[in-house]
Protein backbone atom coordinates (compact mmCIF):
# COMPACT_ATOMS: atom_id res chain seq x y z
CA MET A 1 23.80 -28.08 -33.21
CA THR A 2 27.48 -28.90 -33.21
CA ALA A 3 28.68 -32.49 -33.21
CA THR A 4 31.66 -33.48 -31.09
CA ARG A 5 34.71 -34.51 -33.09
CA PRO A 6 36.67 -37.54 -31.84
CA ALA A 7 40.16 -36.60 -30.72
CA ASP A 8 41.79 -38.79 -33.33
CA THR A 9 39.77 -37.47 -36.25
CA PRO A 10 41.79 -35.14 -38.51
CA ILE A 11 40.28 -31.75 -39.22
CA SER A 12 40.32 -32.47 -42.94
CA ALA A 13 37.87 -35.32 -42.38
CA GLU A 14 35.19 -33.06 -40.93
CA VAL A 15 32.10 -32.06 -42.85
CA PRO A 16 32.95 -29.01 -44.99
CA ARG A 17 31.96 -25.65 -43.54
CA PRO A 18 28.66 -24.42 -45.01
CA ALA A 19 28.63 -21.50 -47.41
CA PRO A 20 27.00 -18.17 -46.43
CA GLY A 21 23.81 -18.98 -44.69
CA ALA A 22 24.10 -22.64 -45.64
CA THR A 23 22.34 -24.86 -43.15
CA PRO A 24 23.65 -27.68 -40.98
CA PRO A 25 23.06 -30.93 -42.90
CA ARG A 26 21.23 -32.61 -40.01
CA THR A 27 18.69 -29.84 -39.48
CA PRO A 28 15.29 -30.99 -40.82
CA LEU A 29 13.97 -28.89 -43.67
CA ILE A 30 10.74 -28.19 -41.80
CA ALA A 31 12.74 -26.68 -38.94
CA ARG A 32 14.70 -24.52 -41.36
CA ALA A 33 11.51 -23.35 -43.05
CA ALA A 34 10.01 -22.49 -39.68
CA ALA A 35 13.14 -20.55 -38.73
CA GLU A 36 13.02 -18.58 -41.98
CA LEU A 37 9.31 -17.84 -41.56
CA VAL A 38 9.57 -16.81 -37.90
CA GLY A 39 12.81 -14.90 -38.42
CA THR A 40 11.50 -12.92 -41.38
CA ALA A 41 8.23 -12.23 -39.54
CA ALA A 42 10.14 -10.97 -36.50
CA LEU A 43 12.39 -8.80 -38.68
CA VAL A 44 9.45 -7.14 -40.42
CA ALA A 45 7.63 -6.73 -37.09
CA VAL A 46 10.71 -4.91 -35.78
CA VAL A 47 10.96 -2.67 -38.85
CA VAL A 48 7.27 -1.82 -39.05
CA GLY A 49 6.61 -1.72 -35.30
CA SER A 50 9.53 0.57 -34.53
CA GLY A 51 8.44 2.84 -37.37
CA ILE A 52 4.95 3.12 -35.91
CA GLN A 53 6.32 3.72 -32.43
CA ALA A 54 8.68 6.40 -33.71
CA THR A 55 5.90 8.35 -35.41
CA LYS A 56 3.86 8.26 -32.21
CA LEU A 57 6.73 9.67 -30.16
CA THR A 58 8.04 12.43 -32.42
CA GLN A 59 7.23 14.39 -35.55
CA ASP A 60 10.93 14.83 -36.37
CA VAL A 61 11.55 12.63 -39.42
CA ALA A 62 15.27 12.35 -38.65
CA LEU A 63 14.52 11.04 -35.17
CA GLN A 64 11.91 8.68 -36.61
CA LEU A 65 14.48 7.21 -38.99
CA LEU A 66 17.07 7.02 -36.20
CA ALA A 67 14.68 5.08 -33.98
CA ASN A 68 13.63 2.82 -36.85
CA SER A 69 17.20 2.04 -37.93
CA THR A 70 18.45 1.49 -34.37
CA ALA A 71 15.71 -1.01 -33.58
CA THR A 72 16.39 -2.80 -36.87
CA VAL A 73 20.11 -3.10 -36.16
CA PHE A 74 19.59 -4.70 -32.76
CA GLY A 75 16.68 -6.85 -33.88
CA LEU A 76 18.45 -8.18 -36.96
CA GLY A 77 21.64 -8.95 -35.06
CA VAL A 78 19.75 -10.95 -32.44
CA LEU A 79 17.76 -12.88 -35.05
CA ILE A 80 20.88 -13.84 -37.03
CA ALA A 81 22.66 -14.99 -33.87
CA LEU A 82 19.63 -17.00 -32.74
CA LEU A 83 18.48 -18.62 -35.99
CA GLY A 84 21.69 -18.71 -38.00
CA PRO A 85 22.64 -22.17 -36.67
CA VAL A 86 19.22 -23.51 -37.74
CA SER A 87 18.52 -22.11 -41.21
CA GLY A 88 21.45 -19.85 -41.98
CA ALA A 89 19.25 -16.84 -41.12
CA HIS A 90 18.72 -15.73 -44.71
CA PHE A 91 15.36 -13.95 -44.14
CA ASN A 92 15.89 -12.72 -47.68
CA PRO A 93 15.08 -14.32 -51.07
CA ALA A 94 17.94 -12.42 -52.70
CA VAL A 95 20.44 -14.09 -50.36
CA THR A 96 18.80 -17.50 -50.80
CA LEU A 97 18.84 -17.17 -54.58
CA ALA A 98 22.47 -16.06 -54.52
CA GLU A 99 23.43 -19.07 -52.41
CA TRP A 100 21.48 -21.42 -54.68
CA TRP A 101 23.36 -20.00 -57.66
CA THR A 102 26.75 -20.54 -56.05
CA ALA A 103 25.72 -24.11 -55.16
CA ARG A 104 24.87 -24.75 -58.82
CA ARG A 105 28.39 -23.70 -59.71
CA GLY A 106 30.00 -26.20 -57.37
CA GLY A 107 29.91 -24.43 -54.02
CA ALA A 108 28.03 -25.34 -50.87
CA GLY A 109 24.54 -23.94 -50.45
CA VAL A 110 20.83 -24.54 -50.74
CA THR A 111 19.37 -26.95 -53.27
CA ALA A 112 16.50 -26.18 -55.64
CA ARG A 113 14.14 -28.01 -53.26
CA GLU A 114 15.33 -25.92 -50.32
CA LEU A 115 15.05 -22.77 -52.40
CA ALA A 116 11.42 -23.65 -53.18
CA VAL A 117 10.73 -23.93 -49.44
CA TYR A 118 12.77 -21.00 -48.16
CA VAL A 119 11.42 -18.25 -50.43
CA PRO A 120 7.69 -18.83 -49.80
CA SER A 121 8.45 -19.11 -46.07
CA GLN A 122 10.25 -15.78 -46.13
CA ILE A 123 7.45 -14.04 -48.02
CA ALA A 124 4.73 -15.49 -45.78
CA GLY A 125 6.73 -14.50 -42.72
CA ALA A 126 7.19 -10.94 -43.98
CA ILE A 127 3.46 -10.49 -44.54
CA ALA A 128 2.67 -12.00 -41.13
CA GLY A 129 5.21 -9.70 -39.48
CA ALA A 130 3.65 -6.58 -40.97
CA ILE A 131 0.18 -7.68 -39.87
CA LEU A 132 1.48 -8.48 -36.37
CA ALA A 133 3.08 -5.04 -36.01
CA ASP A 134 -0.13 -3.34 -37.12
CA ALA A 135 -2.10 -5.42 -34.62
CA MET A 136 0.23 -4.52 -31.73
CA PHE A 137 -0.27 -0.80 -32.35
CA GLY A 138 -3.99 -0.89 -33.09
CA GLU A 139 -3.57 -0.15 -36.78
CA PRO A 140 -5.74 -1.77 -39.47
CA LEU A 141 -4.38 -5.29 -39.88
CA VAL A 142 -4.05 -4.92 -43.64
CA LYS A 143 -4.03 -1.52 -45.28
CA TRP A 144 -2.12 -1.09 -48.50
CA SER A 145 0.64 1.45 -48.18
CA THR A 146 0.31 4.76 -49.99
CA HIS A 147 4.03 5.53 -49.67
CA ASP A 148 5.19 5.81 -53.28
CA ARG A 149 8.82 4.81 -53.81
CA SER A 150 9.02 4.68 -57.59
CA ALA A 151 11.65 7.37 -58.23
CA GLY A 152 14.73 6.26 -60.15
CA ASN A 153 17.16 7.45 -57.49
CA LEU A 154 15.40 5.22 -54.93
CA LEU A 155 15.77 2.23 -57.23
CA LEU A 156 19.47 2.98 -57.60
CA GLY A 157 19.70 3.11 -53.81
CA GLU A 158 18.12 -0.34 -53.59
CA LEU A 159 20.51 -1.77 -56.13
CA VAL A 160 23.48 -0.42 -54.16
CA ALA A 161 22.07 -1.62 -50.82
CA THR A 162 21.44 -5.17 -52.06
CA ALA A 163 24.74 -5.47 -53.90
CA GLY A 164 26.57 -4.37 -50.76
CA LEU A 165 24.67 -6.83 -48.60
CA VAL A 166 25.45 -9.79 -50.87
CA LEU A 167 29.08 -8.69 -51.16
CA LEU A 168 29.33 -8.55 -47.36
CA ILE A 169 27.74 -11.94 -46.66
CA PHE A 170 29.55 -13.89 -49.34
CA GLY A 171 32.78 -11.99 -48.73
CA LEU A 172 32.66 -13.05 -45.09
CA ALA A 173 32.17 -16.63 -46.25
CA ARG A 174 35.10 -16.47 -48.67
CA THR A 175 37.39 -15.22 -45.89
CA ASP A 176 36.08 -17.66 -43.27
CA ARG A 177 34.64 -14.92 -41.04
CA LEU A 178 30.96 -15.79 -40.96
CA ARG A 179 31.14 -15.76 -37.16
CA PHE A 180 30.99 -11.98 -37.48
CA ALA A 181 27.79 -12.04 -39.53
CA PRO A 182 25.35 -11.03 -36.74
CA VAL A 183 27.28 -7.84 -36.04
CA ALA A 184 28.51 -7.16 -39.57
CA VAL A 185 25.20 -7.65 -41.39
CA ALA A 186 23.18 -5.74 -38.80
CA SER A 187 25.70 -2.89 -38.84
CA TYR A 188 25.66 -2.72 -42.63
CA ILE A 189 21.86 -2.51 -42.76
CA GLY A 190 21.89 0.17 -40.07
CA ALA A 191 24.40 2.21 -42.03
CA ALA A 192 22.56 1.66 -45.32
CA TYR A 193 19.39 3.10 -43.78
CA TRP A 194 21.28 6.40 -43.87
CA PHE A 195 23.60 6.27 -46.86
CA THR A 196 21.07 4.97 -49.43
CA SER A 197 18.20 7.04 -50.75
CA SER A 198 15.78 4.12 -50.37
CA THR A 199 16.63 3.49 -46.67
CA SER A 200 17.87 0.03 -47.67
CA PHE A 201 15.08 -2.50 -47.95
CA ALA A 202 17.58 -4.83 -49.74
CA ASN A 203 15.16 -7.73 -49.38
CA PRO A 204 12.32 -8.81 -51.71
CA ALA A 205 10.33 -10.54 -48.94
CA VAL A 206 10.55 -7.54 -46.62
CA THR A 207 9.55 -5.28 -49.51
CA ILE A 208 6.42 -7.35 -50.14
CA GLY A 209 5.55 -7.45 -46.45
CA ARG A 210 5.90 -3.69 -46.04
CA ALA A 211 3.31 -3.13 -48.77
CA PHE A 212 0.68 -4.47 -46.35
CA THR A 213 1.01 -1.59 -43.88
CA ASP A 214 0.22 2.07 -44.46
CA THR A 215 2.68 3.29 -41.85
CA PHE A 216 6.15 4.84 -41.68
CA ALA A 217 7.93 1.78 -43.12
CA GLY A 218 5.39 1.03 -45.85
CA ILE A 219 5.82 0.92 -49.61
CA ALA A 220 3.02 1.31 -52.13
CA PRO A 221 2.17 -1.97 -53.91
CA ALA A 222 2.76 -0.28 -57.28
CA SER A 223 6.37 0.37 -56.22
CA VAL A 224 7.07 -3.22 -55.18
CA PRO A 225 7.81 -4.85 -58.58
CA ALA A 226 10.51 -2.35 -59.49
CA PHE A 227 12.04 -2.55 -56.02
CA VAL A 228 12.17 -6.34 -56.15
CA GLY A 229 13.60 -6.23 -59.68
CA VAL A 230 16.51 -3.97 -58.78
CA GLN A 231 17.16 -5.99 -55.61
CA LEU A 232 17.62 -9.10 -57.73
CA VAL A 233 19.91 -7.18 -60.06
CA GLY A 234 21.80 -5.96 -57.02
CA ALA A 235 22.28 -9.55 -55.88
CA VAL A 236 23.85 -10.39 -59.25
CA VAL A 237 26.13 -7.37 -59.00
CA GLY A 238 27.10 -8.39 -55.47
CA LEU A 239 28.04 -11.90 -56.58
CA ALA A 240 30.08 -10.47 -59.45
CA LEU A 241 31.97 -8.25 -57.01
CA VAL A 242 32.65 -11.23 -54.75
CA ALA A 243 34.06 -13.17 -57.70
CA VAL A 244 36.42 -10.32 -58.59
CA ILE A 245 37.46 -9.06 -55.16
CA PHE A 246 37.94 -12.47 -53.52
CA LEU A 247 39.33 -14.23 -56.58
CA ARG A 248 42.50 -15.48 -54.87
CA GLY A 249 40.46 -17.03 -52.06
CA GLU A 250 38.99 -19.54 -54.51
CA THR A 251 42.29 -21.40 -54.74
CA GLY A 252 42.97 -21.64 -50.99
CA SER A 253 42.36 -25.12 -49.55
CA ALA A 254 41.13 -23.66 -46.24
CA THR A 255 38.65 -21.26 -47.82
CA PRO A 256 35.00 -22.39 -47.82
CA SER A 257 33.29 -22.64 -51.19
CA ALA A 258 30.68 -20.01 -51.97
């Protein structure tokens, strides 16, 4: 919700622009938690549901991945546009943790209390989304995935995917272009489906949720810890790249803190 600025109020007196995904200060925390839970659930429902639908329609794996990635691009873009003004549309513990870290270093972002609310909401939403997708397609509500994803090259793909995602989000913030986030983030994830070996989970909550479904988008529970670990490392790498690439932006008075 945007407040109206009196005509005689200088721009410099306005509330500082939030950092990537940072939430409007007047939005109640319970509303933000609900947005993160519902948004992450919807995202996982899109990913898992479109994967199930694709396997029912064709046996061509390339077409299955195309259908899955296309649905994810549109679904993610809509969710960011809808819920971004409420919670920042993180839907991703790696992004939330990265924002908390930048806030600790003097930038705008989530507090430790908000972090403690966001992350469980995202994980619960991801699990609920996987169960919902299974229910819609008549699959067992909870069936652990047997899709092993433990190979080292897949872990490297996850590190690259997550680092790129964090670089994109926080880079947009540093250059005051977060208005492009719905299109930019969705487009990046769609591309990363194809250019990374792991098909770009890039999200610890989504990774956990996808372990609950033995379908096209699933991941074996035994593969989850390593995936989550490299995603967190990728977030650190992404923040380091932001610090180096957008170094000059830190001194600009019009550039939002990140």
